Every structure is written in C-alpha cells, then in structure tokens.
Amino acid sequence: MSKKELEYEGYKGTVEYDEKCDFYTGEVEIDGKIYTYEGDTLEELQEDFEDIIDSIIAFDEMDDEEV
C-alpha cells in the first residue's frame, strides 16, 4: 500500500492504494467525524473527496441559514 494526501478547500485527506485490489480509498476528519471516499483511479478518488467536502460545506451553509 502506498500513501499520499489530498487537499481541497483547506481540508486534507488521506490516500491509500491497495495494489491487490487495484483500488483507492481515503479518509478526512471534519468536526470530529470521519468521512471516507473511494475510487478506481486517483481522479475518481479526488472527485469523491471533493464531492464530500462540497456536500459538507453546503450542509453547513444551509444549517447556518436556518438559525
């Protein structure tokens, strides 16, 4: 397994590659919660990572508007 790191909108997430399964996974911790993402390629992994961050940012913005 090799490791790297992803970064998006100030968040940093892990990159793990399983050679046996030819598959990427990763985790990012936001506000004490662990979110996981995955992909068949690094590009898919990056897209899934960014989708999670975008969703969390959008949810936080919606939550702030309701207060």
PDB file of N, CA and C in Angstrom:
ATOM      1  N   MET A   1       0.837  -1.199   0.000  1.00  0.00           N
ATOM      2  CA  MET A   1       0.000   0.000   0.000  1.00  0.00           C
ATOM      3  C   MET A   1       0.871   1.247   0.000  1.00  0.00           C
ATOM      4  N   SER A   2       0.513   2.194  -0.851  1.00  0.00           N
ATOM      5  CA  SER A   2       1.218   3.464  -0.856  1.00  0.00           C
ATOM      6  C   SER A   2       0.279   4.543  -0.317  1.00  0.00           C
ATOM      7  N   LYS A   3       0.856   5.592   0.262  1.00  0.00           N
ATOM      8  CA  LYS A   3       0.043   6.659   0.838  1.00  0.00           C
ATOM      9  C   LYS A   3       0.435   8.006   0.255  1.00  0.00           C
ATOM     10  N   LYS A   4      -0.550   8.851   0.092  1.00  0.00           N
ATOM     11  CA  LYS A   4      -0.365  10.235  -0.323  1.00  0.00           C
ATOM     12  C   LYS A   4      -1.380  11.063   0.441  1.00  0.00           C
ATOM     13  N   GLU A   5      -1.621  12.278  -0.033  1.00  0.00           N
ATOM     14  CA  GLU A   5      -2.588  13.142   0.630  1.00  0.00           C
ATOM     15  C   GLU A   5      -3.331  13.970  -0.398  1.00  0.00           C
ATOM     16  N   LEU A   6      -4.616  14.204  -0.154  1.00  0.00           N
ATOM     17  CA  LEU A   6      -5.430  15.075  -0.998  1.00  0.00           C
ATOM     18  C   LEU A   6      -5.710  16.359  -0.223  1.00  0.00           C
ATOM     19  N   GLU A   7      -5.909  17.454  -0.953  1.00  0.00           N
ATOM     20  CA  GLU A   7      -6.259  18.711  -0.313  1.00  0.00           C
ATOM     21  C   GLU A   7      -7.289  19.436  -1.165  1.00  0.00           C
ATOM     22  N   TYR A   8      -8.305  19.995  -0.492  1.00  0.00           N
ATOM     23  CA  TYR A   8      -9.366  20.717  -1.187  1.00  0.00           C
ATOM     24  C   TYR A   8     -10.065  21.628  -0.192  1.00  0.00           C
ATOM     25  N   GLU A   9     -10.237  22.897  -0.552  1.00  0.00           N
ATOM     26  CA  GLU A   9     -10.938  23.874   0.289  1.00  0.00           C
ATOM     27  C   GLU A   9     -10.383  23.906   1.724  1.00  0.00           C
ATOM     28  N   GLY A  10      -9.088  23.683   1.874  1.00  0.00           N
ATOM     29  CA  GLY A  10      -8.456  23.733   3.189  1.00  0.00           C
ATOM     30  C   GLY A  10      -8.518  22.433   3.979  1.00  0.00           C
ATOM     31  N   TYR A  11      -9.169  21.423   3.449  1.00  0.00           N
ATOM     32  CA  TYR A  11      -9.257  20.122   4.108  1.00  0.00           C
ATOM     33  C   TYR A  11      -8.211  19.177   3.517  1.00  0.00           C
ATOM     34  N   LYS A  12      -7.656  18.345   4.362  1.00  0.00           N
ATOM     35  CA  LYS A  12      -6.673  17.363   3.901  1.00  0.00           C
ATOM     36  C   LYS A  12      -7.188  15.960   4.197  1.00  0.00           C
ATOM     37  N   GLY A  13      -7.050  15.093   3.214  1.00  0.00           N
ATOM     38  CA  GLY A  13      -7.500  13.716   3.366  1.00  0.00           C
ATOM     39  C   GLY A  13      -6.403  12.745   2.959  1.00  0.00           C
ATOM     40  N   THR A  14      -6.526  11.542   3.439  1.00  0.00           N
ATOM     41  CA  THR A  14      -5.533  10.515   3.148  1.00  0.00           C
ATOM     42  C   THR A  14      -5.802   9.864   1.795  1.00  0.00           C
ATOM     43  N   VAL A  15      -4.785   9.212   1.284  1.00  0.00           N
ATOM     44  CA  VAL A  15      -4.899   8.405   0.070  1.00  0.00           C
ATOM     45  C   VAL A  15      -4.244   7.071   0.360  1.00  0.00           C
ATOM     46  N   GLU A  16      -4.995   6.021   0.187  1.00  0.00           N
ATOM     47  CA  GLU A  16      -4.433   4.677   0.335  1.00  0.00           C
ATOM     48  C   GLU A  16      -4.746   3.892  -0.927  1.00  0.00           C
ATOM     49  N   TYR A  17      -3.733   3.209  -1.428  1.00  0.00           N
ATOM     50  CA  TYR A  17      -3.903   2.401  -2.630  1.00  0.00           C
ATOM     51  C   TYR A  17      -3.648   0.946  -2.284  1.00  0.00           C
ATOM     52  N   ASP A  18      -4.595   0.108  -2.586  1.00  0.00           N
ATOM     53  CA  ASP A  18      -4.462  -1.319  -2.354  1.00  0.00           C
ATOM     54  C   ASP A  18      -4.091  -1.975  -3.678  1.00  0.00           C
ATOM     55  N   GLU A  19      -2.817  -2.356  -3.805  1.00  0.00           N
ATOM     56  CA  GLU A  19      -2.339  -2.955  -5.055  1.00  0.00           C
ATOM     57  C   GLU A  19      -3.054  -4.267  -5.371  1.00  0.00           C
ATOM     58  N   LYS A  20      -3.350  -5.009  -4.346  1.00  0.00           N
ATOM     59  CA  LYS A  20      -4.010  -6.299  -4.528  1.00  0.00           C
ATOM     60  C   LYS A  20      -5.391  -6.132  -5.172  1.00  0.00           C
ATOM     61  N   CYS A  21      -6.117  -5.117  -4.712  1.00  0.00           N
ATOM     62  CA  CYS A  21      -7.472  -4.866  -5.220  1.00  0.00           C
ATOM     63  C   CYS A  21      -7.497  -3.809  -6.321  1.00  0.00           C
ATOM     64  N   ASP A  22      -6.362  -3.126  -6.546  1.00  0.00           N
ATOM     65  CA  ASP A  22      -6.273  -2.060  -7.536  1.00  0.00           C
ATOM     66  C   ASP A  22      -7.376  -1.031  -7.294  1.00  0.00           C
ATOM     67  N   PHE A  23      -7.394  -0.470  -6.072  1.00  0.00           N
ATOM     68  CA  PHE A  23      -8.486   0.387  -5.633  1.00  0.00           C
ATOM     69  C   PHE A  23      -7.951   1.424  -4.644  1.00  0.00           C
ATOM     70  N   TYR A  24      -8.464   2.644  -4.727  1.00  0.00           N
ATOM     71  CA  TYR A  24      -8.055   3.725  -3.831  1.00  0.00           C
ATOM     72  C   TYR A  24      -9.142   4.013  -2.796  1.00  0.00           C
ATOM     73  N   THR A  25      -8.720   4.331  -1.584  1.00  0.00           N
ATOM     74  CA  THR A  25      -9.631   4.764  -0.528  1.00  0.00           C
ATOM     75  C   THR A  25      -8.956   5.897   0.244  1.00  0.00           C
ATOM     76  N   GLY A  26      -9.741   6.602   1.019  1.00  0.00           N
ATOM     77  CA  GLY A  26      -9.179   7.658   1.844  1.00  0.00           C
ATOM     78  C   GLY A  26     -10.156   8.087   2.916  1.00  0.00           C
ATOM     79  N   GLU A  27      -9.637   8.913   3.835  1.00  0.00           N
ATOM     80  CA  GLU A  27     -10.453   9.430   4.931  1.00  0.00           C
ATOM     81  C   GLU A  27     -10.109  10.885   5.169  1.00  0.00           C
ATOM     82  N   VAL A  28     -11.118  11.641   5.584  1.00  0.00           N
ATOM     83  CA  VAL A  28     -10.919  13.021   6.003  1.00  0.00           C
ATOM     84  C   VAL A  28     -11.714  13.209   7.288  1.00  0.00           C
ATOM     85  N   GLU A  29     -11.122  13.916   8.255  1.00  0.00           N
ATOM     86  CA  GLU A  29     -11.811  14.190   9.512  1.00  0.00           C
ATOM     87  C   GLU A  29     -12.273  15.635   9.503  1.00  0.00           C
ATOM     88  N   ILE A  30     -13.571  15.821   9.730  1.00  0.00           N
ATOM     89  CA  ILE A  30     -14.165  17.153   9.766  1.00  0.00           C
ATOM     90  C   ILE A  30     -15.048  17.239  10.999  1.00  0.00           C
ATOM     91  N   ASP A  31     -14.743  18.203  11.849  1.00  0.00           N
ATOM     92  CA  ASP A  31     -15.510  18.414  13.088  1.00  0.00           C
ATOM     93  C   ASP A  31     -15.654  17.137  13.902  1.00  0.00           C
ATOM     94  N   GLY A  32     -14.584  16.363  13.978  1.00  0.00           N
ATOM     95  CA  GLY A  32     -14.579  15.155  14.799  1.00  0.00           C
ATOM     96  C   GLY A  32     -15.224  13.939  14.149  1.00  0.00           C
ATOM     97  N   LYS A  33     -15.697  14.078  12.926  1.00  0.00           N
ATOM     98  CA  LYS A  33     -16.307  12.946  12.217  1.00  0.00           C
ATOM     99  C   LYS A  33     -15.391  12.506  11.087  1.00  0.00           C
ATOM    100  N   ILE A  34     -15.321  11.196  10.869  1.00  0.00           N
ATOM    101  CA  ILE A  34     -14.502  10.635   9.795  1.00  0.00           C
ATOM    102  C   ILE A  34     -15.395  10.347   8.588  1.00  0.00           C
ATOM    103  N   TYR A  35     -14.993  10.867   7.446  1.00  0.00           N
ATOM    104  CA  TYR A  35     -15.692  10.613   6.192  1.00  0.00           C
ATOM    105  C   TYR A  35     -14.749   9.827   5.287  1.00  0.00           C
ATOM    106  N   THR A  36     -15.287   8.819   4.609  1.00  0.00           N
ATOM    107  CA  THR A  36     -14.463   8.016   3.709  1.00  0.00           C
ATOM    108  C   THR A  36     -14.889   8.256   2.264  1.00  0.00           C
ATOM    109  N   TYR A  37     -13.947   8.049   1.371  1.00  0.00           N
ATOM    110  CA  TYR A  37     -14.198   8.203  -0.062  1.00  0.00           C
ATOM    111  C   TYR A  37     -13.395   7.138  -0.784  1.00  0.00           C
ATOM    112  N   GLU A  38     -13.742   6.889  -2.052  1.00  0.00           N
ATOM    113  CA  GLU A  38     -13.092   5.793  -2.777  1.00  0.00           C
ATOM    114  C   GLU A  38     -13.124   6.047  -4.280  1.00  0.00           C
ATOM    115  N   GLY A  39     -12.312   5.284  -4.987  1.00  0.00           N
ATOM    116  CA  GLY A  39     -12.291   5.393  -6.438  1.00  0.00           C
ATOM    117  C   GLY A  39     -11.397   4.345  -7.071  1.00  0.00           C
ATOM    118  N   ASP A  40     -11.684   4.043  -8.325  1.00  0.00           N
ATOM    119  CA  ASP A  40     -10.862   3.098  -9.084  1.00  0.00           C
ATOM    120  C   ASP A  40      -9.563   3.747  -9.550  1.00  0.00           C
ATOM    121  N   THR A  41      -9.581   5.090  -9.678  1.00  0.00           N
ATOM    122  CA  THR A  41      -8.403   5.831 -10.110  1.00  0.00           C
ATOM    123  C   THR A  41      -8.176   6.992  -9.138  1.00  0.00           C
ATOM    124  N   LEU A  42      -7.006   7.626  -9.219  1.00  0.00           N
ATOM    125  CA  LEU A  42      -6.757   8.804  -8.388  1.00  0.00           C
ATOM    126  C   LEU A  42      -7.726   9.928  -8.732  1.00  0.00           C
ATOM    127  N   GLU A  43      -8.073  10.039 -10.011  1.00  0.00           N
ATOM    128  CA  GLU A  43      -9.018  11.069 -10.429  1.00  0.00           C
ATOM    129  C   GLU A  43     -10.388  10.840  -9.786  1.00  0.00           C
ATOM    130  N   GLU A  44     -10.861   9.596  -9.784  1.00  0.00           N
ATOM    131  CA  GLU A  44     -12.148   9.276  -9.145  1.00  0.00           C
ATOM    132  C   GLU A  44     -12.079   9.518  -7.643  1.00  0.00           C
ATOM    133  N   LEU A  45     -10.953   9.181  -7.041  1.00  0.00           N
ATOM    134  CA  LEU A  45     -10.779   9.405  -5.609  1.00  0.00           C
ATOM    135  C   LEU A  45     -10.857  10.895  -5.297  1.00  0.00           C
ATOM    136  N   GLN A  46     -10.168  11.717  -6.094  1.00  0.00           N
ATOM    137  CA  GLN A  46     -10.184  13.164  -5.901  1.00  0.00           C
ATOM    138  C   GLN A  46     -11.598  13.704  -6.071  1.00  0.00           C
ATOM    139  N   GLU A  47     -12.323  13.233  -7.073  1.00  0.00           N
ATOM    140  CA  GLU A  47     -13.700  13.679  -7.299  1.00  0.00           C
ATOM    141  C   GLU A  47     -14.599  13.332  -6.117  1.00  0.00           C
ATOM    142  N   ASP A  48     -14.480  12.113  -5.592  1.00  0.00           N
ATOM    143  CA  ASP A  48     -15.307  11.690  -4.461  1.00  0.00           C
ATOM    144  C   ASP A  48     -14.959  12.512  -3.219  1.00  0.00           C
ATOM    145  N   PHE A  49     -13.668  12.766  -3.018  1.00  0.00           N
ATOM    146  CA  PHE A  49     -13.202  13.598  -1.898  1.00  0.00           C
ATOM    147  C   PHE A  49     -13.805  15.005  -1.999  1.00  0.00           C
ATOM    148  N   GLU A  50     -13.721  15.609  -3.179  1.00  0.00           N
ATOM    149  CA  GLU A  50     -14.262  16.955  -3.370  1.00  0.00           C
ATOM    150  C   GLU A  50     -15.777  16.981  -3.209  1.00  0.00           C
ATOM    151  N   ASP A  51     -16.467  15.947  -3.677  1.00  0.00           N
ATOM    152  CA  ASP A  51     -17.923  15.866  -3.515  1.00  0.00           C
ATOM    153  C   ASP A  51     -18.306  15.857  -2.038  1.00  0.00           C
ATOM    154  N   ILE A  52     -17.567  15.107  -1.246  1.00  0.00           N
ATOM    155  CA  ILE A  52     -17.852  15.049   0.195  1.00  0.00           C
ATOM    156  C   ILE A  52     -17.653  16.421   0.827  1.00  0.00           C
ATOM    157  N   ILE A  53     -16.539  17.075   0.520  1.00  0.00           N
ATOM    158  CA  ILE A  53     -16.260  18.398   1.083  1.00  0.00           C
ATOM    159  C   ILE A  53     -17.340  19.386   0.647  1.00  0.00           C
ATOM    160  N   ASP A  54     -17.676  19.393  -0.644  1.00  0.00           N
ATOM    161  CA  ASP A  54     -18.722  20.300  -1.141  1.00  0.00           C
ATOM    162  C   ASP A  54     -20.051  20.059  -0.436  1.00  0.00           C
ATOM    163  N   SER A  55     -20.400  18.807  -0.214  1.00  0.00           N
ATOM    164  CA  SER A  55     -21.658  18.473   0.462  1.00  0.00           C
ATOM    165  C   SER A  55     -21.657  18.972   1.899  1.00  0.00           C
ATOM    166  N   ILE A  56     -20.552  18.811   2.581  1.00  0.00           N
ATOM    167  CA  ILE A  56     -20.460  19.252   3.975  1.00  0.00           C
ATOM    168  C   ILE A  56     -20.544  20.772   4.048  1.00  0.00           C
ATOM    169  N   ILE A  57     -19.845  21.460   3.142  1.00  0.00           N
ATOM    170  CA  ILE A  57     -19.889  22.928   3.113  1.00  0.00           C
ATOM    171  C   ILE A  57     -21.317  23.398   2.829  1.00  0.00           C
ATOM    172  N   ALA A  58     -21.981  22.792   1.854  1.00  0.00           N
ATOM    173  CA  ALA A  58     -23.357  23.170   1.511  1.00  0.00           C
ATOM    174  C   ALA A  58     -24.296  22.913   2.687  1.00  0.00           C
ATOM    175  N   PHE A  59     -24.124  21.784   3.360  1.00  0.00           N
ATOM    176  CA  PHE A  59     -24.973  21.454   4.511  1.00  0.00           C
ATOM    177  C   PHE A  59     -24.759  22.458   5.632  1.00  0.00           C
ATOM    178  N   ASP A  60     -23.496  22.820   5.902  1.00  0.00           N
ATOM    179  CA  ASP A  60     -23.194  23.798   6.939  1.00  0.00           C
ATOM    180  C   ASP A  60     -23.809  25.152   6.615  1.00  0.00           C
ATOM    181  N   GLU A  61     -23.760  25.551   5.342  1.00  0.00           N
ATOM    182  CA  GLU A  61     -24.342  26.824   4.927  1.00  0.00           C
ATOM    183  C   GLU A  61     -25.868  26.809   5.102  1.00  0.00           C
ATOM    184  N   MET A  62     -26.490  25.682   4.752  1.00  0.00           N
ATOM    185  CA  MET A  62     -27.946  25.556   4.944  1.00  0.00           C
ATOM    186  C   MET A  62     -28.288  25.624   6.421  1.00  0.00           C
ATOM    187  N   ASP A  63     -27.504  24.956   7.230  1.00  0.00           N
ATOM    188  CA  ASP A  63     -27.724  24.913   8.669  1.00  0.00           C
ATOM    189  C   ASP A  63     -27.592  26.319   9.266  1.00  0.00           C
ATOM    190  N   ASP A  64     -26.607  27.078   8.797  1.00  0.00           N
ATOM    191  CA  ASP A  64     -26.401  28.439   9.294  1.00  0.00           C
ATOM    192  C   ASP A  64     -27.573  29.352   8.917  1.00  0.00           C
ATOM    193  N   GLU A  65     -28.155  29.162   7.733  1.00  0.00           N
ATOM    194  CA  GLU A  65     -29.254  29.983   7.275  1.00  0.00           C
ATOM    195  C   GLU A  65     -30.515  29.747   8.098  1.00  0.00           C
ATOM    196  N   GLU A  66     -30.672  28.556   8.658  1.00  0.00           N
ATOM    197  CA  GLU A  66     -31.883  28.211   9.410  1.00  0.00           C
ATOM    198  C   GLU A  66     -31.841  28.768  10.816  1.00  0.00           C
ATOM    199  N   VAL A  67     -30.689  29.176  11.283  1.00  0.00           N
ATOM    200  CA  VAL A  67     -30.563  29.674  12.675  1.00  0.00           C
ATOM    201  C   VAL A  67     -31.056  31.069  12.788  1.00  0.00           C
TER     202      VAL A  67
END
